[in-house]
Amino acid sequence: MSRSCQGEFDVGRRLRELRLAGGYSQRQLARRAGIPHAHISVVEHNKSSPSVATLRRIVGGLNISLADFFEVDRNVPEGPFFTDDQLIDLTSKLTAGIDFAPQGRMAFRQVGDARRHNLQILHEVYEPNADTGETRLQHLSSEGGIVIEGELEVTVGEEVRVLKAGESYLFDSRIPHRFRNVSQSRTTVVAACTPPYL
Protein backbone atom coordinates (compact mmCIF):
# COMPACT_ATOMS: atom_id res chain seq x y z
CA MET A 1 0.00 0.00 0.00
CA SER A 2 1.36 3.41 -0.91
CA ARG A 3 1.23 6.09 1.74
CA SER A 4 2.37 9.66 1.68
CA CYS A 5 5.43 9.36 3.89
CA GLN A 6 9.01 10.44 3.72
CA GLY A 7 10.39 9.77 0.29
CA GLU A 8 7.62 7.34 -0.69
CA PHE A 9 5.56 8.05 -3.78
CA ASP A 10 1.83 8.45 -3.07
CA VAL A 11 0.15 6.75 -6.05
CA GLY A 12 -3.38 7.56 -4.84
CA ARG A 13 -2.73 11.24 -4.32
CA ARG A 14 -0.96 11.59 -7.68
CA LEU A 15 -3.82 9.86 -9.50
CA ARG A 16 -6.44 12.07 -7.84
CA GLU A 17 -4.46 15.24 -8.70
CA LEU A 18 -4.13 14.26 -12.35
CA ARG A 19 -7.76 13.12 -12.62
CA LEU A 20 -9.06 16.40 -11.21
CA ALA A 21 -6.63 18.41 -13.36
CA GLY A 22 -8.04 16.61 -16.39
CA GLY A 23 -11.60 17.39 -15.32
CA TYR A 24 -12.70 13.76 -14.98
CA SER A 25 -14.94 12.16 -12.39
CA GLN A 26 -13.87 8.73 -11.14
CA ARG A 27 -16.62 7.19 -13.27
CA GLN A 28 -15.52 9.06 -16.41
CA LEU A 29 -11.89 8.03 -15.96
CA ALA A 30 -12.89 4.41 -15.33
CA ARG A 31 -14.91 4.43 -18.56
CA ARG A 32 -11.98 5.93 -20.51
CA ALA A 33 -9.59 3.36 -19.02
CA GLY A 34 -11.97 0.44 -19.56
CA ILE A 35 -11.91 -0.70 -15.94
CA PRO A 36 -14.56 -0.98 -13.19
CA HIS A 37 -15.42 2.34 -11.50
CA ALA A 38 -14.49 0.98 -8.05
CA HIS A 39 -10.86 0.50 -9.15
CA ILE A 40 -10.28 4.25 -9.37
CA SER A 41 -11.58 4.86 -5.85
CA VAL A 42 -9.59 1.95 -4.37
CA VAL A 43 -6.35 3.21 -5.94
CA GLU A 44 -6.95 6.86 -4.99
CA HIS A 45 -7.53 5.87 -1.37
CA ASN A 46 -4.42 3.63 -1.37
CA LYS A 47 -6.49 0.63 -0.31
CA SER A 48 -4.81 -1.62 -2.86
CA SER A 49 -1.65 -1.60 -4.96
CA PRO A 50 -2.66 -1.80 -8.63
CA SER A 51 -0.85 -4.05 -11.07
CA VAL A 52 1.29 -2.29 -13.65
CA ALA A 53 -1.23 -3.39 -16.30
CA THR A 54 -4.12 -1.78 -14.40
CA LEU A 55 -2.22 1.42 -13.64
CA ARG A 56 -1.14 1.66 -17.28
CA ARG A 57 -4.78 1.49 -18.37
CA ILE A 58 -5.70 4.20 -15.87
CA VAL A 59 -2.93 6.60 -16.92
CA GLY A 60 -3.75 5.80 -20.54
CA GLY A 61 -7.21 7.16 -19.79
CA LEU A 62 -5.47 10.39 -18.75
CA ASN A 63 -3.41 10.37 -21.98
CA ILE A 64 -0.07 10.21 -20.19
CA SER A 65 2.68 7.60 -19.81
CA LEU A 66 3.66 5.82 -16.61
CA ALA A 67 6.94 7.75 -16.62
CA ASP A 68 4.99 11.02 -16.73
CA PHE A 69 2.76 9.77 -13.92
CA PHE A 70 5.71 9.09 -11.62
CA GLU A 71 8.01 11.93 -12.64
CA VAL A 72 6.32 15.00 -11.16
CA ASP A 73 9.20 17.38 -11.89
CA ARG A 74 11.17 15.75 -14.67
CA ASN A 75 14.46 17.30 -15.69
CA VAL A 76 15.52 15.12 -18.61
CA PRO A 77 18.86 15.72 -20.38
CA GLU A 78 18.25 16.62 -24.03
CA GLY A 79 21.12 14.66 -25.55
CA PRO A 80 21.94 13.69 -28.17
CA PHE A 81 24.46 11.82 -26.02
CA PHE A 82 24.00 10.46 -22.51
CA THR A 83 26.38 9.18 -19.85
CA ASP A 84 25.48 6.18 -17.71
CA ASP A 85 24.44 8.38 -14.78
CA GLN A 86 22.10 10.42 -17.02
CA LEU A 87 19.80 7.48 -17.70
CA ILE A 88 16.43 7.95 -15.98
CA ASP A 89 15.83 5.37 -13.26
CA LEU A 90 12.23 4.18 -13.55
CA THR A 91 12.72 1.27 -11.14
CA SER A 92 11.93 2.86 -7.79
CA LYS A 93 8.97 4.71 -9.26
CA LEU A 94 7.48 1.65 -10.94
CA THR A 95 7.76 -0.53 -7.85
CA ALA A 96 6.51 2.08 -5.34
CA GLY A 97 2.88 1.43 -4.62
CA ILE A 98 2.12 -0.83 -7.57
CA ASP A 99 2.21 -4.58 -7.91
CA PHE A 100 4.84 -4.78 -10.62
CA ALA A 101 7.42 -7.36 -9.62
CA PRO A 102 5.86 -10.20 -7.65
CA GLN A 103 9.12 -12.15 -7.79
CA GLY A 104 12.73 -11.06 -8.09
CA ARG A 105 14.20 -7.64 -8.65
CA MET A 106 14.17 -5.73 -11.91
CA ALA A 107 15.80 -2.45 -12.89
CA PHE A 108 14.66 -0.21 -15.75
CA ARG A 109 16.60 2.86 -16.94
CA GLN A 110 15.41 5.06 -19.78
CA VAL A 111 17.48 6.95 -22.36
CA GLY A 112 16.41 10.61 -22.65
CA ASP A 113 12.88 11.94 -23.11
CA ALA A 114 10.81 9.08 -24.50
CA ARG A 115 7.69 11.18 -24.91
CA ARG A 116 9.44 13.88 -26.92
CA HIS A 117 10.82 11.34 -29.39
CA ASN A 118 7.86 8.94 -29.22
CA LEU A 119 10.40 6.19 -28.60
CA GLN A 120 11.33 4.58 -25.30
CA ILE A 121 14.76 2.97 -25.09
CA LEU A 122 15.41 0.99 -21.92
CA HIS A 123 18.36 -0.69 -20.27
CA GLU A 124 16.72 -3.53 -18.33
CA VAL A 125 18.20 -5.81 -15.69
CA TYR A 126 16.38 -8.92 -14.46
CA GLU A 127 17.81 -10.63 -11.39
CA PRO A 128 17.23 -14.41 -10.97
CA ASN A 129 13.48 -15.22 -10.70
CA ALA A 130 12.43 -11.70 -11.77
CA ASP A 131 9.02 -11.85 -13.40
CA THR A 132 6.69 -9.17 -14.76
CA GLY A 133 3.81 -11.23 -13.36
CA GLU A 134 1.16 -13.77 -14.24
CA THR A 135 -1.13 -10.95 -15.40
CA ARG A 136 0.34 -10.35 -18.82
CA LEU A 137 1.23 -6.90 -20.10
CA GLN A 138 -0.76 -5.52 -23.02
CA HIS A 139 -0.60 -2.04 -24.53
CA LEU A 140 -0.85 -0.14 -27.80
CA SER A 141 2.79 -0.21 -28.90
CA SER A 142 5.39 -2.20 -30.77
CA GLU A 143 8.42 -3.37 -28.79
CA GLY A 144 11.64 -5.18 -29.31
CA GLY A 145 14.85 -5.97 -27.52
CA ILE A 146 18.11 -7.85 -27.57
CA VAL A 147 19.49 -9.94 -24.73
CA ILE A 148 22.99 -8.68 -23.87
CA GLU A 149 23.78 -11.20 -21.12
CA GLY A 150 22.00 -14.08 -19.41
CA GLU A 151 18.70 -15.61 -20.48
CA LEU A 152 15.15 -14.24 -20.63
CA GLU A 153 11.95 -16.19 -21.08
CA VAL A 154 9.62 -14.18 -23.31
CA THR A 155 5.94 -15.09 -23.71
CA VAL A 156 4.00 -13.49 -26.57
CA GLY A 157 0.46 -14.82 -26.88
CA GLU A 158 0.81 -18.62 -26.94
CA GLU A 159 4.48 -18.57 -27.96
CA VAL A 160 7.18 -18.99 -25.31
CA ARG A 161 10.93 -18.96 -25.84
CA VAL A 162 14.00 -18.61 -23.65
CA LEU A 163 16.32 -16.14 -25.35
CA LYS A 164 20.07 -16.19 -24.75
CA ALA A 165 22.70 -13.47 -25.22
CA GLY A 166 22.65 -12.24 -28.81
CA GLU A 167 19.03 -13.30 -29.42
CA SER A 168 16.20 -10.81 -29.72
CA TYR A 169 12.45 -10.23 -29.96
CA LEU A 170 10.07 -7.85 -31.76
CA PHE A 171 6.27 -7.95 -31.54
CA ASP A 172 2.97 -6.08 -31.43
CA SER A 173 2.49 -5.17 -27.75
CA ARG A 174 -1.29 -5.50 -28.04
CA ILE A 175 -0.63 -9.24 -27.78
CA PRO A 176 -0.52 -10.22 -24.06
CA HIS A 177 3.11 -10.78 -23.04
CA ARG A 178 5.36 -11.53 -20.11
CA PHE A 179 9.09 -11.47 -19.29
CA ARG A 180 10.81 -13.81 -16.79
CA ASN A 181 14.38 -14.60 -15.83
CA VAL A 182 14.18 -18.34 -15.26
CA SER A 183 17.96 -18.70 -14.85
CA GLN A 184 20.13 -18.33 -11.75
CA SER A 185 22.17 -15.45 -13.17
CA ARG A 186 21.49 -11.82 -14.01
CA THR A 187 19.97 -10.98 -17.39
CA THR A 188 20.52 -7.66 -19.18
CA VAL A 189 18.39 -6.48 -22.09
CA VAL A 190 18.36 -3.35 -24.24
CA ALA A 191 14.79 -2.77 -25.35
CA ALA A 192 12.76 -0.22 -27.28
CA CYS A 193 9.06 0.59 -27.42
CA THR A 194 7.03 2.98 -29.56
CA PRO A 195 4.91 4.72 -28.57
CA PRO A 196 6.41 4.72 -25.03
CA TYR A 197 4.78 2.34 -22.57
CA LEU A 198 6.40 2.90 -19.16
C-alpha atoms as a PDB file:
ATOM      1  CA  MET A   1       0.000   0.000   0.000  1.00  0.00           C
ATOM      2  CA  SER A   2       1.361   3.413  -0.910  1.00  0.00           C
ATOM      3  CA  ARG A   3       1.234   6.090   1.737  1.00  0.00           C
ATOM      4  CA  SER A   4       2.369   9.659   1.681  1.00  0.00           C
ATOM      5  CA  CYS A   5       5.429   9.364   3.893  1.00  0.00           C
ATOM      6  CA  GLN A   6       9.008  10.437   3.719  1.00  0.00           C
ATOM      7  CA  GLY A   7      10.391   9.774   0.288  1.00  0.00           C
ATOM      8  CA  GLU A   8       7.624   7.342  -0.692  1.00  0.00           C
ATOM      9  CA  PHE A   9       5.561   8.051  -3.784  1.00  0.00           C
ATOM     10  CA  ASP A  10       1.827   8.445  -3.073  1.00  0.00           C
ATOM     11  CA  VAL A  11       0.151   6.750  -6.045  1.00  0.00           C
ATOM     12  CA  GLY A  12      -3.377   7.559  -4.837  1.00  0.00           C
ATOM     13  CA  ARG A  13      -2.726  11.243  -4.318  1.00  0.00           C
ATOM     14  CA  ARG A  14      -0.963  11.593  -7.683  1.00  0.00           C
ATOM     15  CA  LEU A  15      -3.824   9.857  -9.502  1.00  0.00           C
ATOM     16  CA  ARG A  16      -6.436  12.071  -7.842  1.00  0.00           C
ATOM     17  CA  GLU A  17      -4.459  15.238  -8.696  1.00  0.00           C
ATOM     18  CA  LEU A  18      -4.134  14.256 -12.354  1.00  0.00           C
ATOM     19  CA  ARG A  19      -7.763  13.121 -12.623  1.00  0.00           C
ATOM     20  CA  LEU A  20      -9.056  16.399 -11.207  1.00  0.00           C
ATOM     21  CA  ALA A  21      -6.634  18.414 -13.363  1.00  0.00           C
ATOM     22  CA  GLY A  22      -8.041  16.611 -16.395  1.00  0.00           C
ATOM     23  CA  GLY A  23     -11.596  17.385 -15.317  1.00  0.00           C
ATOM     24  CA  TYR A  24     -12.698  13.761 -14.985  1.00  0.00           C
ATOM     25  CA  SER A  25     -14.944  12.162 -12.394  1.00  0.00           C
ATOM     26  CA  GLN A  26     -13.875   8.731 -11.138  1.00  0.00           C
ATOM     27  CA  ARG A  27     -16.618   7.189 -13.265  1.00  0.00           C
ATOM     28  CA  GLN A  28     -15.520   9.057 -16.407  1.00  0.00           C
ATOM     29  CA  LEU A  29     -11.888   8.026 -15.957  1.00  0.00           C
ATOM     30  CA  ALA A  30     -12.887   4.406 -15.330  1.00  0.00           C
ATOM     31  CA  ARG A  31     -14.906   4.434 -18.562  1.00  0.00           C
ATOM     32  CA  ARG A  32     -11.977   5.930 -20.507  1.00  0.00           C
ATOM     33  CA  ALA A  33      -9.591   3.355 -19.023  1.00  0.00           C
ATOM     34  CA  GLY A  34     -11.972   0.436 -19.560  1.00  0.00           C
ATOM     35  CA  ILE A  35     -11.912  -0.704 -15.939  1.00  0.00           C
ATOM     36  CA  PRO A  36     -14.562  -0.983 -13.187  1.00  0.00           C
ATOM     37  CA  HIS A  37     -15.421   2.335 -11.496  1.00  0.00           C
ATOM     38  CA  ALA A  38     -14.493   0.978  -8.046  1.00  0.00           C
ATOM     39  CA  HIS A  39     -10.855   0.496  -9.146  1.00  0.00           C
ATOM     40  CA  ILE A  40     -10.276   4.248  -9.368  1.00  0.00           C
ATOM     41  CA  SER A  41     -11.577   4.859  -5.852  1.00  0.00           C
ATOM     42  CA  VAL A  42      -9.590   1.951  -4.374  1.00  0.00           C
ATOM     43  CA  VAL A  43      -6.350   3.213  -5.936  1.00  0.00           C
ATOM     44  CA  GLU A  44      -6.947   6.860  -4.988  1.00  0.00           C
ATOM     45  CA  HIS A  45      -7.529   5.867  -1.368  1.00  0.00           C
ATOM     46  CA  ASN A  46      -4.421   3.625  -1.374  1.00  0.00           C
ATOM     47  CA  LYS A  47      -6.492   0.629  -0.313  1.00  0.00           C
ATOM     48  CA  SER A  48      -4.810  -1.617  -2.857  1.00  0.00           C
ATOM     49  CA  SER A  49      -1.654  -1.605  -4.963  1.00  0.00           C
ATOM     50  CA  PRO A  50      -2.662  -1.800  -8.634  1.00  0.00           C
ATOM     51  CA  SER A  51      -0.851  -4.054 -11.072  1.00  0.00           C
ATOM     52  CA  VAL A  52       1.287  -2.285 -13.646  1.00  0.00           C
ATOM     53  CA  ALA A  53      -1.232  -3.390 -16.302  1.00  0.00           C
ATOM     54  CA  THR A  54      -4.123  -1.778 -14.400  1.00  0.00           C
ATOM     55  CA  LEU A  55      -2.217   1.416 -13.637  1.00  0.00           C
ATOM     56  CA  ARG A  56      -1.135   1.657 -17.275  1.00  0.00           C
ATOM     57  CA  ARG A  57      -4.776   1.491 -18.368  1.00  0.00           C
ATOM     58  CA  ILE A  58      -5.697   4.200 -15.870  1.00  0.00           C
ATOM     59  CA  VAL A  59      -2.933   6.605 -16.921  1.00  0.00           C
ATOM     60  CA  GLY A  60      -3.747   5.805 -20.544  1.00  0.00           C
ATOM     61  CA  GLY A  61      -7.214   7.163 -19.793  1.00  0.00           C
ATOM     62  CA  LEU A  62      -5.465  10.385 -18.748  1.00  0.00           C
ATOM     63  CA  ASN A  63      -3.408  10.367 -21.984  1.00  0.00           C
ATOM     64  CA  ILE A  64      -0.067  10.206 -20.191  1.00  0.00           C
ATOM     65  CA  SER A  65       2.676   7.595 -19.814  1.00  0.00           C
ATOM     66  CA  LEU A  66       3.665   5.818 -16.610  1.00  0.00           C
ATOM     67  CA  ALA A  67       6.941   7.746 -16.618  1.00  0.00           C
ATOM     68  CA  ASP A  68       4.990  11.017 -16.726  1.00  0.00           C
ATOM     69  CA  PHE A  69       2.758   9.765 -13.923  1.00  0.00           C
ATOM     70  CA  PHE A  70       5.705   9.087 -11.620  1.00  0.00           C
ATOM     71  CA  GLU A  71       8.006  11.932 -12.637  1.00  0.00           C
ATOM     72  CA  VAL A  72       6.324  14.995 -11.162  1.00  0.00           C
ATOM     73  CA  ASP A  73       9.202  17.376 -11.893  1.00  0.00           C
ATOM     74  CA  ARG A  74      11.168  15.748 -14.668  1.00  0.00           C
ATOM     75  CA  ASN A  75      14.464  17.295 -15.692  1.00  0.00           C
ATOM     76  CA  VAL A  76      15.519  15.122 -18.608  1.00  0.00           C
ATOM     77  CA  PRO A  77      18.857  15.718 -20.379  1.00  0.00           C
ATOM     78  CA  GLU A  78      18.253  16.617 -24.034  1.00  0.00           C
ATOM     79  CA  GLY A  79      21.123  14.665 -25.546  1.00  0.00           C
ATOM     80  CA  PRO A  80      21.942  13.692 -28.173  1.00  0.00           C
ATOM     81  CA  PHE A  81      24.460  11.819 -26.022  1.00  0.00           C
ATOM     82  CA  PHE A  82      24.002  10.458 -22.507  1.00  0.00           C
ATOM     83  CA  THR A  83      26.378   9.185 -19.846  1.00  0.00           C
ATOM     84  CA  ASP A  84      25.483   6.182 -17.710  1.00  0.00           C
ATOM     85  CA  ASP A  85      24.445   8.381 -14.776  1.00  0.00           C
ATOM     86  CA  GLN A  86      22.101  10.417 -17.017  1.00  0.00           C
ATOM     87  CA  LEU A  87      19.801   7.479 -17.705  1.00  0.00           C
ATOM     88  CA  ILE A  88      16.431   7.951 -15.979  1.00  0.00           C
ATOM     89  CA  ASP A  89      15.834   5.368 -13.265  1.00  0.00           C
ATOM     90  CA  LEU A  90      12.231   4.181 -13.547  1.00  0.00           C
ATOM     91  CA  THR A  91      12.723   1.266 -11.137  1.00  0.00           C
ATOM     92  CA  SER A  92      11.934   2.859  -7.793  1.00  0.00           C
ATOM     93  CA  LYS A  93       8.971   4.708  -9.259  1.00  0.00           C
ATOM     94  CA  LEU A  94       7.480   1.650 -10.940  1.00  0.00           C
ATOM     95  CA  THR A  95       7.764  -0.528  -7.850  1.00  0.00           C
ATOM     96  CA  ALA A  96       6.510   2.080  -5.342  1.00  0.00           C
ATOM     97  CA  GLY A  97       2.877   1.429  -4.620  1.00  0.00           C
ATOM     98  CA  ILE A  98       2.122  -0.831  -7.571  1.00  0.00           C
ATOM     99  CA  ASP A  99       2.210  -4.583  -7.908  1.00  0.00           C
ATOM    100  CA  PHE A 100       4.840  -4.782 -10.620  1.00  0.00           C
ATOM    101  CA  ALA A 101       7.418  -7.365  -9.622  1.00  0.00           C
ATOM    102  CA  PRO A 102       5.864 -10.203  -7.651  1.00  0.00           C
ATOM    103  CA  GLN A 103       9.124 -12.146  -7.790  1.00  0.00           C
ATOM    104  CA  GLY A 104      12.727 -11.060  -8.087  1.00  0.00           C
ATOM    105  CA  ARG A 105      14.199  -7.642  -8.646  1.00  0.00           C
ATOM    106  CA  MET A 106      14.174  -5.730 -11.911  1.00  0.00           C
ATOM    107  CA  ALA A 107      15.802  -2.447 -12.889  1.00  0.00           C
ATOM    108  CA  PHE A 108      14.664  -0.208 -15.747  1.00  0.00           C
ATOM    109  CA  ARG A 109      16.602   2.855 -16.937  1.00  0.00           C
ATOM    110  CA  GLN A 110      15.413   5.063 -19.784  1.00  0.00           C
ATOM    111  CA  VAL A 111      17.480   6.948 -22.359  1.00  0.00           C
ATOM    112  CA  GLY A 112      16.409  10.610 -22.652  1.00  0.00           C
ATOM    113  CA  ASP A 113      12.885  11.943 -23.112  1.00  0.00           C
ATOM    114  CA  ALA A 114      10.806   9.083 -24.498  1.00  0.00           C
ATOM    115  CA  ARG A 115       7.689  11.179 -24.914  1.00  0.00           C
ATOM    116  CA  ARG A 116       9.438  13.883 -26.920  1.00  0.00           C
ATOM    117  CA  HIS A 117      10.823  11.345 -29.385  1.00  0.00           C
ATOM    118  CA  ASN A 118       7.857   8.939 -29.220  1.00  0.00           C
ATOM    119  CA  LEU A 119      10.399   6.189 -28.597  1.00  0.00           C
ATOM    120  CA  GLN A 120      11.330   4.580 -25.305  1.00  0.00           C
ATOM    121  CA  ILE A 121      14.765   2.972 -25.095  1.00  0.00           C
ATOM    122  CA  LEU A 122      15.405   0.995 -21.919  1.00  0.00           C
ATOM    123  CA  HIS A 123      18.363  -0.693 -20.269  1.00  0.00           C
ATOM    124  CA  GLU A 124      16.717  -3.535 -18.333  1.00  0.00           C
ATOM    125  CA  VAL A 125      18.204  -5.806 -15.691  1.00  0.00           C
ATOM    126  CA  TYR A 126      16.384  -8.919 -14.456  1.00  0.00           C
ATOM    127  CA  GLU A 127      17.814 -10.631 -11.386  1.00  0.00           C
ATOM    128  CA  PRO A 128      17.226 -14.414 -10.968  1.00  0.00           C
ATOM    129  CA  ASN A 129      13.478 -15.219 -10.698  1.00  0.00           C
ATOM    130  CA  ALA A 130      12.433 -11.697 -11.766  1.00  0.00           C
ATOM    131  CA  ASP A 131       9.017 -11.854 -13.403  1.00  0.00           C
ATOM    132  CA  THR A 132       6.686  -9.169 -14.765  1.00  0.00           C
ATOM    133  CA  GLY A 133       3.812 -11.226 -13.361  1.00  0.00           C
ATOM    134  CA  GLU A 134       1.164 -13.770 -14.243  1.00  0.00           C
ATOM    135  CA  THR A 135      -1.131 -10.954 -15.403  1.00  0.00           C
ATOM    136  CA  ARG A 136       0.339 -10.350 -18.824  1.00  0.00           C
ATOM    137  CA  LEU A 137       1.227  -6.901 -20.100  1.00  0.00           C
ATOM    138  CA  GLN A 138      -0.760  -5.523 -23.025  1.00  0.00           C
ATOM    139  CA  HIS A 139      -0.605  -2.037 -24.532  1.00  0.00           C
ATOM    140  CA  LEU A 140      -0.848  -0.143 -27.800  1.00  0.00           C
ATOM    141  CA  SER A 141       2.792  -0.207 -28.902  1.00  0.00           C
ATOM    142  CA  SER A 142       5.390  -2.199 -30.766  1.00  0.00           C
ATOM    143  CA  GLU A 143       8.415  -3.366 -28.788  1.00  0.00           C
ATOM    144  CA  GLY A 144      11.636  -5.180 -29.311  1.00  0.00           C
ATOM    145  CA  GLY A 145      14.848  -5.967 -27.524  1.00  0.00           C
ATOM    146  CA  ILE A 146      18.115  -7.852 -27.575  1.00  0.00           C
ATOM    147  CA  VAL A 147      19.491  -9.940 -24.730  1.00  0.00           C
ATOM    148  CA  ILE A 148      22.986  -8.677 -23.871  1.00  0.00           C
ATOM    149  CA  GLU A 149      23.783 -11.199 -21.120  1.00  0.00           C
ATOM    150  CA  GLY A 150      21.998 -14.083 -19.415  1.00  0.00           C
ATOM    151  CA  GLU A 151      18.703 -15.613 -20.478  1.00  0.00           C
ATOM    152  CA  LEU A 152      15.155 -14.244 -20.626  1.00  0.00           C
ATOM    153  CA  GLU A 153      11.946 -16.193 -21.079  1.00  0.00           C
ATOM    154  CA  VAL A 154       9.615 -14.179 -23.308  1.00  0.00           C
ATOM    155  CA  THR A 155       5.943 -15.093 -23.710  1.00  0.00           C
ATOM    156  CA  VAL A 156       4.002 -13.493 -26.567  1.00  0.00           C
ATOM    157  CA  GLY A 157       0.455 -14.821 -26.879  1.00  0.00           C
ATOM    158  CA  GLU A 158       0.811 -18.616 -26.940  1.00  0.00           C
ATOM    159  CA  GLU A 159       4.480 -18.569 -27.955  1.00  0.00           C
ATOM    160  CA  VAL A 160       7.180 -18.988 -25.308  1.00  0.00           C
ATOM    161  CA  ARG A 161      10.927 -18.957 -25.840  1.00  0.00           C
ATOM    162  CA  VAL A 162      14.000 -18.610 -23.645  1.00  0.00           C
ATOM    163  CA  LEU A 163      16.324 -16.142 -25.345  1.00  0.00           C
ATOM    164  CA  LYS A 164      20.074 -16.194 -24.754  1.00  0.00           C
ATOM    165  CA  ALA A 165      22.700 -13.474 -25.216  1.00  0.00           C
ATOM    166  CA  GLY A 166      22.648 -12.240 -28.812  1.00  0.00           C
ATOM    167  CA  GLU A 167      19.033 -13.297 -29.420  1.00  0.00           C
ATOM    168  CA  SER A 168      16.195 -10.812 -29.716  1.00  0.00           C
ATOM    169  CA  TYR A 169      12.448 -10.231 -29.961  1.00  0.00           C
ATOM    170  CA  LEU A 170      10.069  -7.852 -31.761  1.00  0.00           C
ATOM    171  CA  PHE A 171       6.268  -7.950 -31.544  1.00  0.00           C
ATOM    172  CA  ASP A 172       2.967  -6.080 -31.431  1.00  0.00           C
ATOM    173  CA  SER A 173       2.494  -5.172 -27.755  1.00  0.00           C
ATOM    174  CA  ARG A 174      -1.292  -5.503 -28.040  1.00  0.00           C
ATOM    175  CA  ILE A 175      -0.634  -9.241 -27.780  1.00  0.00           C
ATOM    176  CA  PRO A 176      -0.522 -10.221 -24.064  1.00  0.00           C
ATOM    177  CA  HIS A 177       3.108 -10.779 -23.040  1.00  0.00           C
ATOM    178  CA  ARG A 178       5.358 -11.531 -20.109  1.00  0.00           C
ATOM    179  CA  PHE A 179       9.089 -11.472 -19.290  1.00  0.00           C
ATOM    180  CA  ARG A 180      10.812 -13.810 -16.794  1.00  0.00           C
ATOM    181  CA  ASN A 181      14.375 -14.598 -15.832  1.00  0.00           C
ATOM    182  CA  VAL A 182      14.183 -18.344 -15.255  1.00  0.00           C
ATOM    183  CA  SER A 183      17.960 -18.700 -14.848  1.00  0.00           C
ATOM    184  CA  GLN A 184      20.126 -18.334 -11.752  1.00  0.00           C
ATOM    185  CA  SER A 185      22.172 -15.451 -13.166  1.00  0.00           C
ATOM    186  CA  ARG A 186      21.488 -11.822 -14.007  1.00  0.00           C
ATOM    187  CA  THR A 187      19.970 -10.981 -17.391  1.00  0.00           C
ATOM    188  CA  THR A 188      20.522  -7.665 -19.176  1.00  0.00           C
ATOM    189  CA  VAL A 189      18.388  -6.478 -22.085  1.00  0.00           C
ATOM    190  CA  VAL A 190      18.362  -3.352 -24.242  1.00  0.00           C
ATOM    191  CA  ALA A 191      14.785  -2.765 -25.352  1.00  0.00           C
ATOM    192  CA  ALA A 192      12.758  -0.218 -27.280  1.00  0.00           C
ATOM    193  CA  CYS A 193       9.061   0.592 -27.417  1.00  0.00           C
ATOM    194  CA  THR A 194       7.025   2.982 -29.561  1.00  0.00           C
ATOM    195  CA  PRO A 195       4.911   4.724 -28.565  1.00  0.00           C
ATOM    196  CA  PRO A 196       6.406   4.722 -25.034  1.00  0.00           C
ATOM    197  CA  TYR A 197       4.784   2.338 -22.567  1.00  0.00           C
ATOM    198  CA  LEU A 198       6.396   2.899 -19.161  1.00  0.00           C
END
